[in-house]
Amino acid sequence: MIFVPRVLSTMKDHLSCPKFGPLPDAARADIAGSTEVLSIDIDENRRPLSRTLLLLGKQLNIQKSKTLSAIKSAFSAMESENNKLIRLNNKKRKPRFLLIGHPYTIHDNFIAGPILSKLESMGVEVELISFADDTPAKSYILWGTANKIYHKINTLSSEDYEGVILITVFNCGCDSMMTDTYRQLIKEKNIPYMYLMVDEHSAQSGMDTRIEAFIDSLRWRE
């Protein structure tokens, strides 16, 4: 048996990436019935995550008391990690560049790892956008992570960051709709902006060249 959650919304009044919706069906089609697929809908617009996890425990025939204990431990660990991120971003240091993108993109070692390593090798300080706050202000944007990025950009100041870098992937429908919006907002803030699109055909040498040109152009501007 494999477990594949259908993540529809992890934040109230917002939607998750549309690719997550059909994931359980894609898993069932891929294994062609050879293995049982257990799935459950995670949708904060319908019910709290704690209730969803209780239903999952019931499907797995786990005692309710054990499920409640596991939920409590998981929520405690999640809160602890979120607090660490908040403390890290609240430190009195001025990061030079802000790296934005979906959390499963900017924290992926295959996608973002080489980019972060290149920036570090050039002596650049980088702050990754934080998604620790799970109650962002509402806007016309229904995608949860895109909405957080949108509101983060609205708070930016040219005195805080020398540049903003967006990491996206070729088949991301959300980013295909939002990239120009991000660019326009950052332009209004008078902050240099570059977006890097990564897919399986990306050559690291070409990516390094773009990063070097972007960083060097800003140093020349100084």
Protein backbone atom coordinates (compact mmCIF):
# COMPACT_ATOMS: atom_id res chain seq x y z
CA MET A 1 0.00 0.00 0.00
CA ILE A 2 1.18 3.53 -0.74
CA PHE A 3 -0.27 6.76 0.65
CA VAL A 4 -0.77 9.74 -1.66
CA PRO A 5 -2.58 12.79 -0.24
CA ARG A 6 -4.71 15.00 -2.46
CA VAL A 7 -3.63 18.49 -1.34
CA LEU A 8 -6.38 20.92 -2.34
CA SER A 9 -5.79 23.67 0.20
CA THR A 10 -3.43 24.06 3.15
CA MET A 11 -4.62 27.60 3.96
CA LYS A 12 -8.13 28.84 4.58
CA ASP A 13 -9.66 30.69 1.59
CA HIS A 14 -6.80 29.69 -0.72
CA LEU A 15 -5.97 26.88 -3.15
CA SER A 16 -2.87 24.73 -3.46
CA CYS A 17 -0.97 24.04 -6.67
CA PRO A 18 -3.45 22.49 -9.15
CA LYS A 19 -0.97 19.70 -9.97
CA PHE A 20 -1.51 18.22 -6.49
CA GLY A 21 -5.21 17.58 -7.13
CA PRO A 22 -4.90 14.68 -9.60
CA LEU A 23 -1.81 13.19 -7.89
CA PRO A 24 -3.62 10.19 -6.30
CA ASP A 25 -5.31 9.34 -9.61
CA ALA A 26 -1.98 9.60 -11.41
CA ALA A 27 -0.42 7.26 -8.84
CA ARG A 28 -3.22 4.72 -9.33
CA ALA A 29 -2.81 4.87 -13.09
CA ASP A 30 0.96 4.49 -12.83
CA ILE A 31 0.95 1.35 -10.69
CA ALA A 32 -1.97 -0.09 -12.72
CA GLY A 33 -3.72 -1.73 -9.77
CA SER A 34 -0.71 -3.73 -8.59
CA THR A 35 -0.61 -1.87 -5.28
CA GLU A 36 -3.39 -0.39 -3.19
CA VAL A 37 -3.35 3.42 -3.08
CA LEU A 38 -4.67 5.12 0.04
CA SER A 39 -5.52 8.80 -0.35
CA ILE A 40 -7.31 11.49 1.60
CA ASP A 41 -8.23 15.05 0.73
CA ILE A 42 -6.37 17.82 2.60
CA ASP A 43 -8.63 20.83 2.22
CA GLU A 44 -8.59 23.54 4.90
CA ASN A 45 -11.58 25.18 3.23
CA ARG A 46 -13.72 22.17 4.17
CA ARG A 47 -12.25 21.01 7.47
CA PRO A 48 -9.23 21.70 9.72
CA LEU A 49 -6.09 19.65 9.15
CA SER A 50 -6.45 18.01 12.58
CA ARG A 51 -9.83 16.54 11.58
CA THR A 52 -8.41 15.32 8.27
CA LEU A 53 -5.60 13.53 10.11
CA LEU A 54 -8.13 11.93 12.45
CA LEU A 55 -9.96 10.54 9.42
CA LEU A 56 -6.67 9.22 8.07
CA GLY A 57 -5.96 7.46 11.35
CA LYS A 58 -9.41 5.89 11.20
CA GLN A 59 -8.76 4.62 7.67
CA LEU A 60 -5.52 3.06 8.92
CA ASN A 61 -7.35 1.41 11.84
CA ILE A 62 -5.25 3.25 14.40
CA GLN A 63 -6.66 3.90 17.86
CA LYS A 64 -8.03 7.41 18.21
CA SER A 65 -5.88 8.13 21.27
CA LYS A 66 -2.71 7.24 19.34
CA THR A 67 -3.80 9.35 16.38
CA LEU A 68 -4.47 12.34 18.63
CA SER A 69 -1.06 11.93 20.26
CA ALA A 70 0.65 11.78 16.85
CA ILE A 71 -1.27 14.88 15.66
CA LYS A 72 -0.24 16.79 18.79
CA SER A 73 3.43 15.85 18.30
CA ALA A 74 3.34 16.76 14.60
CA PHE A 75 1.71 20.15 15.22
CA SER A 76 4.21 20.89 17.99
CA ALA A 77 7.15 20.05 15.69
CA MET A 78 5.67 22.17 12.90
CA GLU A 79 5.21 25.16 15.24
CA SER A 80 8.78 24.77 16.49
CA GLU A 81 10.18 24.82 12.94
CA ASN A 82 8.02 27.82 12.01
CA ASN A 83 9.29 29.73 15.05
CA LYS A 84 12.87 28.95 14.04
CA LEU A 85 12.24 30.45 10.59
CA ILE A 86 10.62 33.54 12.09
CA ARG A 87 13.55 34.08 14.47
CA LEU A 88 16.02 33.59 11.64
CA ASN A 89 14.31 36.17 9.42
CA ASN A 90 13.93 38.64 12.29
CA LYS A 91 17.67 38.76 12.99
CA LYS A 92 19.14 42.23 12.67
CA ARG A 93 21.09 41.58 9.52
CA LYS A 94 20.51 42.98 6.10
CA PRO A 95 20.28 40.20 3.52
CA ARG A 96 21.45 41.27 0.09
CA PHE A 97 19.18 39.15 -2.09
CA LEU A 98 15.73 37.67 -1.64
CA LEU A 99 15.02 34.28 -3.21
CA ILE A 100 11.33 33.71 -3.96
CA GLY A 101 9.41 30.74 -5.31
CA HIS A 102 7.21 27.90 -4.12
CA PRO A 103 8.54 26.21 -0.94
CA TYR A 104 8.84 22.85 -2.71
CA THR A 105 11.02 24.60 -5.31
CA ILE A 106 13.37 26.81 -3.31
CA HIS A 107 13.97 24.07 -0.71
CA ASP A 108 14.62 21.36 -3.30
CA ASN A 109 18.29 20.38 -3.47
CA PHE A 110 18.06 19.36 -7.13
CA ILE A 111 16.26 22.50 -8.32
CA ALA A 112 17.53 25.28 -6.06
CA GLY A 113 20.64 23.67 -4.55
CA PRO A 114 23.06 24.50 -7.40
CA ILE A 115 21.72 28.06 -7.59
CA LEU A 116 22.23 28.64 -3.86
CA SER A 117 25.72 27.13 -4.05
CA LYS A 118 26.63 29.45 -6.91
CA LEU A 119 25.37 32.52 -5.06
CA GLU A 120 27.27 31.52 -1.92
CA SER A 121 30.45 30.98 -3.94
CA MET A 122 30.12 34.58 -5.17
CA GLY A 123 29.94 35.86 -1.60
CA VAL A 124 26.25 36.77 -1.83
CA GLU A 125 23.96 36.70 1.19
CA VAL A 126 20.61 35.13 0.36
CA GLU A 127 17.31 35.12 2.27
CA LEU A 128 14.74 32.53 1.29
CA ILE A 129 11.15 33.73 1.45
CA SER A 130 9.47 32.38 4.58
CA PHE A 131 6.13 30.60 4.55
CA ALA A 132 6.01 30.27 8.33
CA ASP A 133 3.04 32.63 8.68
CA ASP A 134 0.01 30.60 7.63
CA THR A 135 -2.48 33.51 7.78
CA PRO A 136 -1.57 35.84 4.90
CA ALA A 137 -3.74 38.80 4.02
CA LYS A 138 -6.37 38.16 1.38
CA SER A 139 -6.04 39.34 -2.20
CA TYR A 140 -7.45 38.52 -5.61
CA ILE A 141 -4.93 35.65 -5.82
CA LEU A 142 -6.42 32.32 -4.76
CA TRP A 143 -3.23 30.22 -4.84
CA GLY A 144 -1.84 30.15 -1.31
CA THR A 145 1.90 30.32 -1.98
CA ALA A 146 1.48 32.81 -4.83
CA ASN A 147 -0.55 35.03 -2.51
CA LYS A 148 2.22 34.94 0.11
CA ILE A 149 4.83 35.84 -2.49
CA TYR A 150 2.60 38.68 -3.72
CA HIS A 151 2.25 40.16 -0.22
CA LYS A 152 5.96 39.71 0.52
CA ILE A 153 6.85 41.66 -2.61
CA ASN A 154 4.47 44.44 -1.55
CA THR A 155 6.50 44.88 1.66
CA LEU A 156 9.88 45.06 -0.05
CA SER A 157 12.14 48.09 0.05
CA SER A 158 15.14 48.85 -2.14
CA GLU A 159 17.00 49.62 1.11
CA ASP A 160 16.55 46.03 2.32
CA TYR A 161 17.48 44.04 -0.79
CA GLU A 162 19.88 44.59 -3.64
CA GLY A 163 17.93 42.20 -5.81
CA VAL A 164 15.20 39.59 -6.00
CA ILE A 165 15.57 36.20 -7.71
CA LEU A 166 12.59 34.03 -8.61
CA ILE A 167 13.14 30.30 -9.15
CA THR A 168 10.42 28.62 -11.17
CA VAL A 169 10.00 25.42 -13.18
CA PHE A 170 8.85 25.07 -16.75
CA ASN A 171 5.52 23.32 -16.11
CA CYS A 172 4.31 25.47 -13.19
CA GLY A 173 0.89 26.84 -14.14
CA CYS A 174 0.74 29.21 -11.15
CA ASP A 175 4.03 30.89 -12.02
CA SER A 176 3.13 31.17 -15.70
CA MET A 177 0.24 33.40 -14.56
CA MET A 178 2.08 35.32 -11.83
CA THR A 179 5.62 35.96 -13.14
CA ASP A 180 4.74 39.18 -14.95
CA THR A 181 2.80 40.41 -11.90
CA TYR A 182 5.85 39.82 -9.70
CA ARG A 183 8.09 41.58 -12.22
CA GLN A 184 5.86 44.66 -12.37
CA LEU A 185 5.57 44.92 -8.58
CA ILE A 186 9.32 44.60 -8.07
CA LYS A 187 9.96 47.13 -10.84
CA GLU A 188 7.75 49.61 -8.98
CA LYS A 189 9.94 49.05 -5.92
CA ASN A 190 13.01 49.88 -8.05
CA ILE A 191 14.68 46.59 -7.10
CA PRO A 192 16.64 44.56 -9.69
CA TYR A 193 14.87 41.30 -10.52
CA MET A 194 15.78 38.09 -12.28
CA TYR A 195 13.85 34.88 -12.74
CA LEU A 196 15.46 31.51 -13.34
CA MET A 197 13.42 28.78 -15.00
CA VAL A 198 14.66 25.29 -14.21
CA ASP A 199 13.70 22.04 -15.91
CA GLU A 200 15.35 18.74 -16.78
CA HIS A 201 17.02 20.30 -19.84
CA SER A 202 18.66 23.18 -17.96
CA ALA A 203 22.44 23.33 -18.25
CA GLN A 204 24.27 24.36 -15.08
CA SER A 205 26.88 26.29 -17.06
CA GLY A 206 24.17 28.47 -18.61
CA MET A 207 22.55 29.01 -15.23
CA ASP A 208 25.90 30.00 -13.71
CA THR A 209 26.48 32.49 -16.52
CA ARG A 210 23.11 34.18 -15.91
CA ILE A 211 23.72 34.39 -12.17
CA GLU A 212 27.21 35.79 -12.64
CA ALA A 213 25.98 38.40 -15.13
CA PHE A 214 23.16 39.48 -12.78
CA ILE A 215 25.37 39.80 -9.70
CA ASP A 216 28.25 41.45 -11.56
CA SER A 217 25.94 44.00 -13.20
CA LEU A 218 24.68 45.08 -9.78
CA ARG A 219 28.18 45.37 -8.39
CA TRP A 220 29.13 47.48 -11.40
CA ARG A 221 26.10 49.71 -10.72
CA GLU A 222 27.44 50.40 -7.24
